[in-house]
Amino acid sequence: MEKRNCLECNEPVKGRIDKKFCSDYCRNAYNNRVNKDSKNLIRNINNRLRKNYKILTELNVSGKTKVSRTRLYDKGFDFQFFTSIYKTKTGNTYFYVYDQGYLALESETFLLIRKEG
């Protein structure tokens, strides 16, 4: 019988023949270490989306409101992070962060809207 060692701590592994780790702790530690770079990228993007969503939600209490670009910037809004784009038949382009959207109007003003269910 072949001896198997844990991929994380190199301790002997007991149990099923296809088992690779001695414990859940080692399995989690190994996978966290291996996937660290991709998880950091995803975590950073999700944090930016979460912040943008929070800003839009705070400013758009009524479901439809106008706000200046400066007000969005001052709160830390990042226009590079959104979840979808919707183009209307009239040519307007709405950017959405989940159900919170914004449309660029004239003179550095934005219309904030909330998509209904």
PDB file of N, CA and C in Angstrom:
ATOM      1  N   MET A   1       0.841  -1.184   0.000  1.00  0.00           N
ATOM      2  CA  MET A   1       0.000   0.000   0.000  1.00  0.00           C
ATOM      3  C   MET A   1       0.890   1.252   0.000  1.00  0.00           C
ATOM      4  N   GLU A   2       0.570   2.181  -0.884  1.00  0.00           N
ATOM      5  CA  GLU A   2       1.363   3.400  -1.056  1.00  0.00           C
ATOM      6  C   GLU A   2       1.027   4.410   0.039  1.00  0.00           C
ATOM      7  N   LYS A   3       2.072   5.005   0.629  1.00  0.00           N
ATOM      8  CA  LYS A   3       1.860   6.033   1.644  1.00  0.00           C
ATOM      9  C   LYS A   3       1.587   7.357   0.943  1.00  0.00           C
ATOM     10  N   ARG A   4       0.577   8.064   1.439  1.00  0.00           N
ATOM     11  CA  ARG A   4       0.232   9.369   0.880  1.00  0.00           C
ATOM     12  C   ARG A   4       0.446  10.434   1.936  1.00  0.00           C
ATOM     13  N   ASN A   5       0.919  11.587   1.483  1.00  0.00           N
ATOM     14  CA  ASN A   5       1.140  12.699   2.393  1.00  0.00           C
ATOM     15  C   ASN A   5       0.263  13.880   1.999  1.00  0.00           C
ATOM     16  N   CYS A   6      -0.108  14.649   2.985  1.00  0.00           N
ATOM     17  CA  CYS A   6      -0.941  15.838   2.797  1.00  0.00           C
ATOM     18  C   CYS A   6      -0.220  16.831   1.888  1.00  0.00           C
ATOM     19  N   LEU A   7      -0.954  17.383   0.924  1.00  0.00           N
ATOM     20  CA  LEU A   7      -0.356  18.353  -0.002  1.00  0.00           C
ATOM     21  C   LEU A   7       0.020  19.663   0.677  1.00  0.00           C
ATOM     22  N   GLU A   8      -0.552  19.943   1.833  1.00  0.00           N
ATOM     23  CA  GLU A   8      -0.277  21.193   2.533  1.00  0.00           C
ATOM     24  C   GLU A   8       0.812  21.038   3.583  1.00  0.00           C
ATOM     25  N   CYS A   9       0.664  20.085   4.504  1.00  0.00           N
ATOM     26  CA  CYS A   9       1.594  19.990   5.644  1.00  0.00           C
ATOM     27  C   CYS A   9       2.528  18.780   5.553  1.00  0.00           C
ATOM     28  N   ASN A  10       2.346  17.935   4.554  1.00  0.00           N
ATOM     29  CA  ASN A  10       3.175  16.761   4.303  1.00  0.00           C
ATOM     30  C   ASN A  10       3.046  15.668   5.371  1.00  0.00           C
ATOM     31  N   GLU A  11       2.016  15.749   6.214  1.00  0.00           N
ATOM     32  CA  GLU A  11       1.741  14.704   7.197  1.00  0.00           C
ATOM     33  C   GLU A  11       1.081  13.515   6.491  1.00  0.00           C
ATOM     34  N   PRO A  12       1.200  12.308   7.048  1.00  0.00           N
ATOM     35  CA  PRO A  12       0.546  11.140   6.433  1.00  0.00           C
ATOM     36  C   PRO A  12      -0.981  11.319   6.384  1.00  0.00           C
ATOM     37  N   VAL A  13      -1.574  10.881   5.284  1.00  0.00           N
ATOM     38  CA  VAL A  13      -3.016  10.981   5.085  1.00  0.00           C
ATOM     39  C   VAL A  13      -3.629   9.606   5.305  1.00  0.00           C
ATOM     40  N   LYS A  14      -4.666   9.576   6.136  1.00  0.00           N
ATOM     41  CA  LYS A  14      -5.370   8.319   6.409  1.00  0.00           C
ATOM     42  C   LYS A  14      -6.777   8.423   5.834  1.00  0.00           C
ATOM     43  N   GLY A  15      -7.295   7.286   5.375  1.00  0.00           N
ATOM     44  CA  GLY A  15      -8.672   7.275   4.886  1.00  0.00           C
ATOM     45  C   GLY A  15      -8.744   6.848   3.432  1.00  0.00           C
ATOM     46  N   ARG A  16      -9.683   7.433   2.711  1.00  0.00           N
ATOM     47  CA  ARG A  16      -9.931   7.049   1.329  1.00  0.00           C
ATOM     48  C   ARG A  16      -8.670   7.132   0.482  1.00  0.00           C
ATOM     49  N   ILE A  17      -8.608   6.324  -0.537  1.00  0.00           N
ATOM     50  CA  ILE A  17      -7.421   6.241  -1.388  1.00  0.00           C
ATOM     51  C   ILE A  17      -7.186   7.522  -2.195  1.00  0.00           C
ATOM     52  N   ASP A  18      -8.268   8.273  -2.483  1.00  0.00           N
ATOM     53  CA  ASP A  18      -8.122   9.496  -3.272  1.00  0.00           C
ATOM     54  C   ASP A  18      -8.016  10.757  -2.398  1.00  0.00           C
ATOM     55  N   LYS A  19      -7.930  10.591  -1.109  1.00  0.00           N
ATOM     56  CA  LYS A  19      -7.825  11.714  -0.181  1.00  0.00           C
ATOM     57  C   LYS A  19      -6.461  12.389  -0.328  1.00  0.00           C
ATOM     58  N   LYS A  20      -6.447  13.737  -0.377  1.00  0.00           N
ATOM     59  CA  LYS A  20      -5.202  14.477  -0.612  1.00  0.00           C
ATOM     60  C   LYS A  20      -4.734  15.280   0.600  1.00  0.00           C
ATOM     61  N   PHE A  21      -5.639  15.487   1.574  1.00  0.00           N
ATOM     62  CA  PHE A  21      -5.324  16.341   2.718  1.00  0.00           C
ATOM     63  C   PHE A  21      -5.649  15.616   4.011  1.00  0.00           C
ATOM     64  N   CYS A  22      -4.912  15.967   5.053  1.00  0.00           N
ATOM     65  CA  CYS A  22      -5.126  15.309   6.346  1.00  0.00           C
ATOM     66  C   CYS A  22      -6.297  15.917   7.108  1.00  0.00           C
ATOM     67  N   SER A  23      -6.688  17.145   6.766  1.00  0.00           N
ATOM     68  CA  SER A  23      -7.783  17.808   7.485  1.00  0.00           C
ATOM     69  C   SER A  23      -8.434  18.871   6.605  1.00  0.00           C
ATOM     70  N   ASP A  24      -9.596  19.338   7.040  1.00  0.00           N
ATOM     71  CA  ASP A  24     -10.267  20.438   6.336  1.00  0.00           C
ATOM     72  C   ASP A  24      -9.417  21.704   6.388  1.00  0.00           C
ATOM     73  N   TYR A  25      -8.739  21.912   7.518  1.00  0.00           N
ATOM     74  CA  TYR A  25      -7.872  23.084   7.647  1.00  0.00           C
ATOM     75  C   TYR A  25      -6.808  23.090   6.545  1.00  0.00           C
ATOM     76  N   CYS A  26      -6.124  21.961   6.349  1.00  0.00           N
ATOM     77  CA  CYS A  26      -5.077  21.881   5.321  1.00  0.00           C
ATOM     78  C   CYS A  26      -5.661  22.036   3.914  1.00  0.00           C
ATOM     79  N   ARG A  27      -6.831  21.443   3.679  1.00  0.00           N
ATOM     80  CA  ARG A  27      -7.479  21.567   2.371  1.00  0.00           C
ATOM     81  C   ARG A  27      -7.796  23.032   2.069  1.00  0.00           C
ATOM     82  N   ASN A  28      -8.368  23.732   3.055  1.00  0.00           N
ATOM     83  CA  ASN A  28      -8.693  25.147   2.873  1.00  0.00           C
ATOM     84  C   ASN A  28      -7.441  26.000   2.703  1.00  0.00           C
ATOM     85  N   ALA A  29      -6.438  25.762   3.523  1.00  0.00           N
ATOM     86  CA  ALA A  29      -5.194  26.530   3.442  1.00  0.00           C
ATOM     87  C   ALA A  29      -4.536  26.342   2.074  1.00  0.00           C
ATOM     88  N   TYR A  30      -4.499  25.120   1.595  1.00  0.00           N
ATOM     89  CA  TYR A  30      -3.900  24.817   0.285  1.00  0.00           C
ATOM     90  C   TYR A  30      -4.654  25.536  -0.834  1.00  0.00           C
ATOM     91  N   ASN A  31      -5.973  25.387  -0.847  1.00  0.00           N
ATOM     92  CA  ASN A  31      -6.767  26.015  -1.912  1.00  0.00           C
ATOM     93  C   ASN A  31      -6.718  27.535  -1.851  1.00  0.00           C
ATOM     94  N   ASN A  32      -6.702  28.109  -0.658  1.00  0.00           N
ATOM     95  CA  ASN A  32      -6.577  29.563  -0.529  1.00  0.00           C
ATOM     96  C   ASN A  32      -5.236  30.044  -1.071  1.00  0.00           C
ATOM     97  N   ARG A  33      -4.179  29.295  -0.798  1.00  0.00           N
ATOM     98  CA  ARG A  33      -2.849  29.673  -1.277  1.00  0.00           C
ATOM     99  C   ARG A  33      -2.765  29.552  -2.804  1.00  0.00           C
ATOM    100  N   VAL A  34      -3.280  28.469  -3.347  1.00  0.00           N
ATOM    101  CA  VAL A  34      -3.216  28.224  -4.791  1.00  0.00           C
ATOM    102  C   VAL A  34      -4.047  29.242  -5.575  1.00  0.00           C
ATOM    103  N   ASN A  35      -5.209  29.610  -5.042  1.00  0.00           N
ATOM    104  CA  ASN A  35      -6.131  30.502  -5.760  1.00  0.00           C
ATOM    105  C   ASN A  35      -6.029  31.962  -5.325  1.00  0.00           C
ATOM    106  N   LYS A  36      -4.991  32.313  -4.619  1.00  0.00           N
ATOM    107  CA  LYS A  36      -4.867  33.641  -4.029  1.00  0.00           C
ATOM    108  C   LYS A  36      -4.981  34.765  -5.054  1.00  0.00           C
ATOM    109  N   ASP A  37      -4.255  34.691  -6.167  1.00  0.00           N
ATOM    110  CA  ASP A  37      -4.248  35.782  -7.135  1.00  0.00           C
ATOM    111  C   ASP A  37      -5.608  36.010  -7.761  1.00  0.00           C
ATOM    112  N   SER A  38      -6.252  34.952  -8.219  1.00  0.00           N
ATOM    113  CA  SER A  38      -7.558  35.119  -8.854  1.00  0.00           C
ATOM    114  C   SER A  38      -8.602  35.572  -7.839  1.00  0.00           C
ATOM    115  N   LYS A  39      -8.502  35.099  -6.606  1.00  0.00           N
ATOM    116  CA  LYS A  39      -9.462  35.511  -5.583  1.00  0.00           C
ATOM    117  C   LYS A  39      -9.290  36.986  -5.242  1.00  0.00           C
ATOM    118  N   ASN A  40      -8.043  37.477  -5.222  1.00  0.00           N
ATOM    119  CA  ASN A  40      -7.816  38.894  -4.936  1.00  0.00           C
ATOM    120  C   ASN A  40      -8.438  39.767  -6.016  1.00  0.00           C
ATOM    121  N   LEU A  41      -8.289  39.384  -7.275  1.00  0.00           N
ATOM    122  CA  LEU A  41      -8.869  40.151  -8.375  1.00  0.00           C
ATOM    123  C   LEU A  41     -10.384  40.197  -8.229  1.00  0.00           C
ATOM    124  N   ILE A  42     -10.996  39.061  -8.012  1.00  0.00           N
ATOM    125  CA  ILE A  42     -12.452  38.991  -7.870  1.00  0.00           C
ATOM    126  C   ILE A  42     -12.907  39.776  -6.649  1.00  0.00           C
ATOM    127  N   ARG A  43     -12.200  39.643  -5.552  1.00  0.00           N
ATOM    128  CA  ARG A  43     -12.544  40.368  -4.326  1.00  0.00           C
ATOM    129  C   ARG A  43     -12.481  41.878  -4.558  1.00  0.00           C
ATOM    130  N   ASN A  44     -11.440  42.341  -5.243  1.00  0.00           N
ATOM    131  CA  ASN A  44     -11.303  43.779  -5.496  1.00  0.00           C
ATOM    132  C   ASN A  44     -12.419  44.303  -6.394  1.00  0.00           C
ATOM    133  N   ILE A  45     -12.765  43.547  -7.436  1.00  0.00           N
ATOM    134  CA  ILE A  45     -13.854  43.963  -8.327  1.00  0.00           C
ATOM    135  C   ILE A  45     -15.175  43.984  -7.567  1.00  0.00           C
ATOM    136  N   ASN A  46     -15.441  42.962  -6.800  1.00  0.00           N
ATOM    137  CA  ASN A  46     -16.686  42.923  -6.021  1.00  0.00           C
ATOM    138  C   ASN A  46     -16.761  44.063  -5.013  1.00  0.00           C
ATOM    139  N   ASN A  47     -15.634  44.423  -4.411  1.00  0.00           N
ATOM    140  CA  ASN A  47     -15.609  45.555  -3.476  1.00  0.00           C
ATOM    141  C   ASN A  47     -15.947  46.854  -4.186  1.00  0.00           C
ATOM    142  N   ARG A  48     -15.420  47.054  -5.403  1.00  0.00           N
ATOM    143  CA  ARG A  48     -15.719  48.274  -6.173  1.00  0.00           C
ATOM    144  C   ARG A  48     -17.197  48.318  -6.556  1.00  0.00           C
ATOM    145  N   LEU A  49     -17.731  47.172  -7.015  1.00  0.00           N
ATOM    146  CA  LEU A  49     -19.155  47.107  -7.369  1.00  0.00           C
ATOM    147  C   LEU A  49     -20.031  47.377  -6.143  1.00  0.00           C
ATOM    148  N   ARG A  50     -19.658  46.796  -5.014  1.00  0.00           N
ATOM    149  CA  ARG A  50     -20.425  46.993  -3.777  1.00  0.00           C
ATOM    150  C   ARG A  50     -20.419  48.471  -3.376  1.00  0.00           C
ATOM    151  N   LYS A  51     -19.267  49.121  -3.496  1.00  0.00           N
ATOM    152  CA  LYS A  51     -19.175  50.546  -3.139  1.00  0.00           C
ATOM    153  C   LYS A  51     -20.024  51.392  -4.086  1.00  0.00           C
ATOM    154  N   ASN A  52     -19.937  51.128  -5.395  1.00  0.00           N
ATOM    155  CA  ASN A  52     -20.755  51.865  -6.364  1.00  0.00           C
ATOM    156  C   ASN A  52     -22.244  51.667  -6.084  1.00  0.00           C
ATOM    157  N   TYR A  53     -22.640  50.431  -5.792  1.00  0.00           N
ATOM    158  CA  TYR A  53     -24.035  50.132  -5.501  1.00  0.00           C
ATOM    159  C   TYR A  53     -24.511  50.904  -4.272  1.00  0.00           C
ATOM    160  N   LYS A  54     -23.685  50.924  -3.249  1.00  0.00           N
ATOM    161  CA  LYS A  54     -24.039  51.636  -2.013  1.00  0.00           C
ATOM    162  C   LYS A  54     -24.225  53.132  -2.287  1.00  0.00           C
ATOM    163  N   ILE A  55     -23.339  53.707  -3.084  1.00  0.00           N
ATOM    164  CA  ILE A  55     -23.427  55.135  -3.411  1.00  0.00           C
ATOM    165  C   ILE A  55     -24.711  55.423  -4.179  1.00  0.00           C
ATOM    166  N   LEU A  56     -25.004  54.620  -5.204  1.00  0.00           N
ATOM    167  CA  LEU A  56     -26.220  54.831  -5.985  1.00  0.00           C
ATOM    168  C   LEU A  56     -27.468  54.676  -5.120  1.00  0.00           C
ATOM    169  N   THR A  57     -27.466  53.699  -4.234  1.00  0.00           N
ATOM    170  CA  THR A  57     -28.616  53.458  -3.360  1.00  0.00           C
ATOM    171  C   THR A  57     -28.823  54.626  -2.391  1.00  0.00           C
ATOM    172  N   GLU A  58     -27.729  55.158  -1.845  1.00  0.00           N
ATOM    173  CA  GLU A  58     -27.826  56.293  -0.916  1.00  0.00           C
ATOM    174  C   GLU A  58     -28.359  57.541  -1.610  1.00  0.00           C
ATOM    175  N   LEU A  59     -27.918  57.777  -2.838  1.00  0.00           N
ATOM    176  CA  LEU A  59     -28.313  58.989  -3.557  1.00  0.00           C
ATOM    177  C   LEU A  59     -29.680  58.871  -4.210  1.00  0.00           C
ATOM    178  N   ASN A  60     -30.135  57.665  -4.455  1.00  0.00           N
ATOM    179  CA  ASN A  60     -31.382  57.436  -5.190  1.00  0.00           C
ATOM    180  C   ASN A  60     -32.444  56.818  -4.279  1.00  0.00           C
ATOM    181  N   VAL A  61     -32.848  57.536  -3.269  1.00  0.00           N
ATOM    182  CA  VAL A  61     -33.809  57.032  -2.294  1.00  0.00           C
ATOM    183  C   VAL A  61     -35.198  56.870  -2.920  1.00  0.00           C
ATOM    184  N   SER A  62     -35.569  57.791  -3.793  1.00  0.00           N
ATOM    185  CA  SER A  62     -36.930  57.794  -4.347  1.00  0.00           C
ATOM    186  C   SER A  62     -37.103  56.844  -5.534  1.00  0.00           C
ATOM    187  N   GLY A  63     -36.018  56.319  -6.073  1.00  0.00           N
ATOM    188  CA  GLY A  63     -36.111  55.437  -7.231  1.00  0.00           C
ATOM    189  C   GLY A  63     -35.813  56.137  -8.545  1.00  0.00           C
ATOM    190  N   LYS A  64     -35.823  57.472  -8.516  1.00  0.00           N
ATOM    191  CA  LYS A  64     -35.504  58.260  -9.718  1.00  0.00           C
ATOM    192  C   LYS A  64     -35.108  59.661  -9.262  1.00  0.00           C
ATOM    193  N   THR A  65     -33.851  60.025  -9.524  1.00  0.00           N
ATOM    194  CA  THR A  65     -33.368  61.329  -9.088  1.00  0.00           C
ATOM    195  C   THR A  65     -32.224  61.791  -9.971  1.00  0.00           C
ATOM    196  N   LYS A  66     -31.930  63.090  -9.936  1.00  0.00           N
ATOM    197  CA  LYS A  66     -30.800  63.651 -10.681  1.00  0.00           C
ATOM    198  C   LYS A  66     -29.699  64.029  -9.705  1.00  0.00           C
ATOM    199  N   VAL A  67     -28.459  63.830 -10.154  1.00  0.00           N
ATOM    200  CA  VAL A  67     -27.307  64.129  -9.310  1.00  0.00           C
ATOM    201  C   VAL A  67     -26.148  64.561 -10.203  1.00  0.00           C
ATOM    202  N   SER A  68     -25.255  65.377  -9.663  1.00  0.00           N
ATOM    203  CA  SER A  68     -24.110  65.865 -10.441  1.00  0.00           C
ATOM    204  C   SER A  68     -22.976  64.843 -10.435  1.00  0.00           C
ATOM    205  N   ARG A  69     -22.152  64.930 -11.466  1.00  0.00           N
ATOM    206  CA  ARG A  69     -20.957  64.071 -11.548  1.00  0.00           C
ATOM    207  C   ARG A  69     -20.058  64.310 -10.339  1.00  0.00           C
ATOM    208  N   THR A  70     -19.935  65.554  -9.930  1.00  0.00           N
ATOM    209  CA  THR A  70     -19.091  65.912  -8.789  1.00  0.00           C
ATOM    210  C   THR A  70     -19.563  65.215  -7.517  1.00  0.00           C
ATOM    211  N   ARG A  71     -20.861  65.147  -7.322  1.00  0.00           N
ATOM    212  CA  ARG A  71     -21.401  64.495  -6.116  1.00  0.00           C
ATOM    213  C   ARG A  71     -21.046  63.007  -6.120  1.00  0.00           C
ATOM    214  N   LEU A  72     -21.159  62.365  -7.291  1.00  0.00           N
ATOM    215  CA  LEU A  72     -20.790  60.953  -7.395  1.00  0.00           C
ATOM    216  C   LEU A  72     -19.296  60.764  -7.120  1.00  0.00           C
ATOM    217  N   TYR A  73     -18.462  61.585  -7.752  1.00  0.00           N
ATOM    218  CA  TYR A  73     -17.007  61.502  -7.537  1.00  0.00           C
ATOM    219  C   TYR A  73     -16.643  61.737  -6.073  1.00  0.00           C
ATOM    220  N   ASP A  74     -17.270  62.732  -5.457  1.00  0.00           N
ATOM    221  CA  ASP A  74     -16.965  63.057  -4.058  1.00  0.00           C
ATOM    222  C   ASP A  74     -17.260  61.885  -3.124  1.00  0.00           C
ATOM    223  N   LYS A  75     -18.248  61.088  -3.457  1.00  0.00           N
ATOM    224  CA  LYS A  75     -18.589  59.917  -2.640  1.00  0.00           C
ATOM    225  C   LYS A  75     -17.705  58.718  -2.962  1.00  0.00           C
ATOM    226  N   GLY A  76     -16.896  58.820  -4.052  1.00  0.00           N
ATOM    227  CA  GLY A  76     -15.984  57.740  -4.399  1.00  0.00           C
ATOM    228  C   GLY A  76     -16.486  56.821  -5.498  1.00  0.00           C
ATOM    229  N   PHE A  77     -17.495  57.266  -6.246  1.00  0.00           N
ATOM    230  CA  PHE A  77     -18.054  56.440  -7.322  1.00  0.00           C
ATOM    231  C   PHE A  77     -17.014  56.249  -8.418  1.00  0.00           C
ATOM    232  N   ASP A  78     -16.903  55.013  -8.930  1.00  0.00           N
ATOM    233  CA  ASP A  78     -15.960  54.687  -9.996  1.00  0.00           C
ATOM    234  C   ASP A  78     -16.745  54.271 -11.231  1.00  0.00           C
ATOM    235  N   PHE A  79     -16.717  55.111 -12.272  1.00  0.00           N
ATOM    236  CA  PHE A  79     -17.520  54.886 -13.471  1.00  0.00           C
ATOM    237  C   PHE A  79     -17.036  53.702 -14.310  1.00  0.00           C
ATOM    238  N   GLN A  80     -15.903  53.127 -13.982  1.00  0.00           N
ATOM    239  CA  GLN A  80     -15.385  51.979 -14.738  1.00  0.00           C
ATOM    240  C   GLN A  80     -16.002  50.658 -14.287  1.00  0.00           C
ATOM    241  N   PHE A  81     -16.720  50.654 -13.158  1.00  0.00           N
ATOM    242  CA  PHE A  81     -17.257  49.406 -12.615  1.00  0.00           C
ATOM    243  C   PHE A  81     -18.781  49.424 -12.633  1.00  0.00           C
ATOM    244  N   PHE A  82     -19.360  48.557 -13.458  1.00  0.00           N
ATOM    245  CA  PHE A  82     -20.807  48.391 -13.554  1.00  0.00           C
ATOM    246  C   PHE A  82     -21.069  46.962 -13.988  1.00  0.00           C
ATOM    247  N   THR A  83     -22.314  46.512 -13.845  1.00  0.00           N
ATOM    248  CA  THR A  83     -22.626  45.113 -14.141  1.00  0.00           C
ATOM    249  C   THR A  83     -23.290  44.910 -15.494  1.00  0.00           C
ATOM    250  N   SER A  84     -23.967  45.937 -16.025  1.00  0.00           N
ATOM    251  CA  SER A  84     -24.601  45.782 -17.336  1.00  0.00           C
ATOM    252  C   SER A  84     -24.855  47.138 -17.980  1.00  0.00           C
ATOM    253  N   ILE A  85     -25.126  47.089 -19.283  1.00  0.00           N
ATOM    254  CA  ILE A  85     -25.439  48.278 -20.075  1.00  0.00           C
ATOM    255  C   ILE A  85     -26.758  48.014 -20.785  1.00  0.00           C
ATOM    256  N   TYR A  86     -27.620  49.039 -20.813  1.00  0.00           N
ATOM    257  CA  TYR A  86     -28.886  48.923 -21.527  1.00  0.00           C
ATOM    258  C   TYR A  86     -29.008  50.106 -22.471  1.00  0.00           C
ATOM    259  N   LYS A  87     -29.167  49.824 -23.772  1.00  0.00           N
ATOM    260  CA  LYS A  87     -29.352  50.881 -24.769  1.00  0.00           C
ATOM    261  C   LYS A  87     -30.814  50.914 -25.183  1.00  0.00           C
ATOM    262  N   THR A  88     -31.401  52.092 -25.114  1.00  0.00           N
ATOM    263  CA  THR A  88     -32.805  52.243 -25.488  1.00  0.00           C
ATOM    264  C   THR A  88     -32.926  52.435 -26.995  1.00  0.00           C
ATOM    265  N   LYS A  89     -34.160  52.329 -27.501  1.00  0.00           N
ATOM    266  CA  LYS A  89     -34.415  52.541 -28.931  1.00  0.00           C
ATOM    267  C   LYS A  89     -34.101  53.968 -29.354  1.00  0.00           C
ATOM    268  N   THR A  90     -34.187  54.901 -28.412  1.00  0.00           N
ATOM    269  CA  THR A  90     -33.893  56.297 -28.715  1.00  0.00           C
ATOM    270  C   THR A  90     -32.405  56.620 -28.645  1.00  0.00           C
ATOM    271  N   GLY A  91     -31.583  55.642 -28.286  1.00  0.00           N
ATOM    272  CA  GLY A  91     -30.140  55.834 -28.276  1.00  0.00           C
ATOM    273  C   GLY A  91     -29.532  56.167 -26.929  1.00  0.00           C
ATOM    274  N   ASN A  92     -30.350  56.209 -25.880  1.00  0.00           N
ATOM    275  CA  ASN A  92     -29.811  56.464 -24.542  1.00  0.00           C
ATOM    276  C   ASN A  92     -29.115  55.205 -24.014  1.00  0.00           C
ATOM    277  N   THR A  93     -28.009  55.409 -23.301  1.00  0.00           N
ATOM    278  CA  THR A  93     -27.261  54.291 -22.729  1.00  0.00           C
ATOM    279  C   THR A  93     -27.284  54.381 -21.213  1.00  0.00           C
ATOM    280  N   TYR A  94     -27.934  53.397 -20.599  1.00  0.00           N
ATOM    281  CA  TYR A  94     -27.989  53.288 -19.140  1.00  0.00           C
ATOM    282  C   TYR A  94     -26.928  52.299 -18.681  1.00  0.00           C
ATOM    283  N   PHE A  95     -26.213  52.653 -17.647  1.00  0.00           N
ATOM    284  CA  PHE A  95     -25.246  51.764 -17.018  1.00  0.00           C
ATOM    285  C   PHE A  95     -25.847  51.313 -15.692  1.00  0.00           C
ATOM    286  N   TYR A  96     -25.750  50.020 -15.405  1.00  0.00           N
ATOM    287  CA  TYR A  96     -26.345  49.466 -14.185  1.00  0.00           C
ATOM    288  C   TYR A  96     -25.291  48.830 -13.293  1.00  0.00           C
ATOM    289  N   VAL A  97     -25.502  49.001 -11.995  1.00  0.00           N
ATOM    290  CA  VAL A  97     -24.810  48.232 -10.968  1.00  0.00           C
ATOM    291  C   VAL A  97     -25.937  47.449 -10.300  1.00  0.00           C
ATOM    292  N   TYR A  98     -26.117  46.219 -10.758  1.00  0.00           N
ATOM    293  CA  TYR A  98     -27.238  45.374 -10.369  1.00  0.00           C
ATOM    294  C   TYR A  98     -28.541  46.064 -10.750  1.00  0.00           C
ATOM    295  N   ASP A  99     -29.377  46.469  -9.796  1.00  0.00           N
ATOM    296  CA  ASP A  99     -30.653  47.096 -10.163  1.00  0.00           C
ATOM    297  C   ASP A  99     -30.610  48.621 -10.102  1.00  0.00           C
ATOM    298  N   GLN A 100     -29.472  49.196  -9.770  1.00  0.00           N
ATOM    299  CA  GLN A 100     -29.317  50.645  -9.710  1.00  0.00           C
ATOM    300  C   GLN A 100     -28.643  51.122 -11.000  1.00  0.00           C
ATOM    301  N   GLY A 101     -29.306  52.046 -11.717  1.00  0.00           N
ATOM    302  CA  GLY A 101     -28.765  52.504 -12.988  1.00  0.00           C
ATOM    303  C   GLY A 101     -28.534  53.994 -13.016  1.00  0.00           C
ATOM    304  N   TYR A 102     -27.747  54.415 -14.022  1.00  0.00           N
ATOM    305  CA  TYR A 102     -27.527  55.839 -14.224  1.00  0.00           C
ATOM    306  C   TYR A 102     -27.397  56.138 -15.710  1.00  0.00           C
ATOM    307  N   LEU A 103     -27.863  57.326 -16.073  1.00  0.00           N
ATOM    308  CA  LEU A 103     -27.840  57.803 -17.449  1.00  0.00           C
ATOM    309  C   LEU A 103     -27.198  59.179 -17.455  1.00  0.00           C
ATOM    310  N   ALA A 104     -26.199  59.374 -18.315  1.00  0.00           N
ATOM    311  CA  ALA A 104     -25.551  60.678 -18.427  1.00  0.00           C
ATOM    312  C   ALA A 104     -26.499  61.638 -19.142  1.00  0.00           C
ATOM    313  N   LEU A 105     -26.743  62.789 -18.521  1.00  0.00           N
ATOM    314  CA  LEU A 105     -27.552  63.838 -19.123  1.00  0.00           C
ATOM    315  C   LEU A 105     -26.628  64.986 -19.512  1.00  0.00           C
ATOM    316  N   GLU A 106     -27.206  66.082 -19.945  1.00  0.00           N
ATOM    317  CA  GLU A 106     -26.382  67.235 -20.309  1.00  0.00           C
ATOM    318  C   GLU A 106     -25.777  67.888 -19.073  1.00  0.00           C
ATOM    319  N   SER A 107     -24.746  68.643 -19.294  1.00  0.00           N
ATOM    320  CA  SER A 107     -24.066  69.461 -18.266  1.00  0.00           C
ATOM    321  C   SER A 107     -23.664  68.688 -17.011  1.00  0.00           C
ATOM    322  N   GLU A 108     -22.968  67.553 -17.218  1.00  0.00           N
ATOM    323  CA  GLU A 108     -22.378  66.811 -16.094  1.00  0.00           C
ATOM    324  C   GLU A 108     -23.402  66.375 -15.047  1.00  0.00           C
ATOM    325  N   THR A 109     -24.604  66.086 -15.488  1.00  0.00           N
ATOM    326  CA  THR A 109     -25.665  65.626 -14.598  1.00  0.00           C
ATOM    327  C   THR A 109     -26.031  64.192 -14.963  1.00  0.00           C
ATOM    328  N   PHE A 110     -26.430  63.409 -13.965  1.00  0.00           N
ATOM    329  CA  PHE A 110     -26.828  62.022 -14.184  1.00  0.00           C
ATOM    330  C   PHE A 110     -28.218  61.787 -13.628  1.00  0.00           C
ATOM    331  N   LEU A 111     -28.987  60.992 -14.364  1.00  0.00           N
ATOM    332  CA  LEU A 111     -30.273  60.527 -13.889  1.00  0.00           C
ATOM    333  C   LEU A 111     -30.047  59.161 -13.254  1.00  0.00           C
ATOM    334  N   LEU A 112     -30.385  59.032 -11.985  1.00  0.00           N
ATOM    335  CA  LEU A 112     -30.267  57.755 -11.278  1.00  0.00           C
ATOM    336  C   LEU A 112     -31.640  57.095 -11.249  1.00  0.00           C
ATOM    337  N   ILE A 113     -31.668  55.808 -11.583  1.00  0.00           N
ATOM    338  CA  ILE A 113     -32.923  55.084 -11.588  1.00  0.00           C
ATOM    339  C   ILE A 113     -32.738  53.726 -10.925  1.00  0.00           C
ATOM    340  N   ARG A 114     -33.848  53.161 -10.484  1.00  0.00           N
ATOM    341  CA  ARG A 114     -33.825  51.812  -9.934  1.00  0.00           C
ATOM    342  C   ARG A 114     -34.711  50.943 -10.812  1.00  0.00           C
ATOM    343  N   LYS A 115     -34.160  49.841 -11.280  1.00  0.00           N
ATOM    344  CA  LYS A 115     -34.906  48.912 -12.127  1.00  0.00           C
ATOM    345  C   LYS A 115     -35.895  48.161 -11.255  1.00  0.00           C
ATOM    346  N   GLU A 116     -37.119  48.129 -11.689  1.00  0.00           N
ATOM    347  CA  GLU A 116     -38.162  47.426 -10.933  1.00  0.00           C
ATOM    348  C   GLU A 116     -38.092  45.932 -11.223  1.00  0.00           C
ATOM    349  N   GLY A 117     -38.198  45.123 -10.148  1.00  0.00           N
ATOM    350  CA  GLY A 117     -38.209  43.675 -10.127  1.00  0.00           C
ATOM    351  C   GLY A 117     -38.106  43.017 -11.407  1.00  0.00           C
TER     352      GLY A 117
END
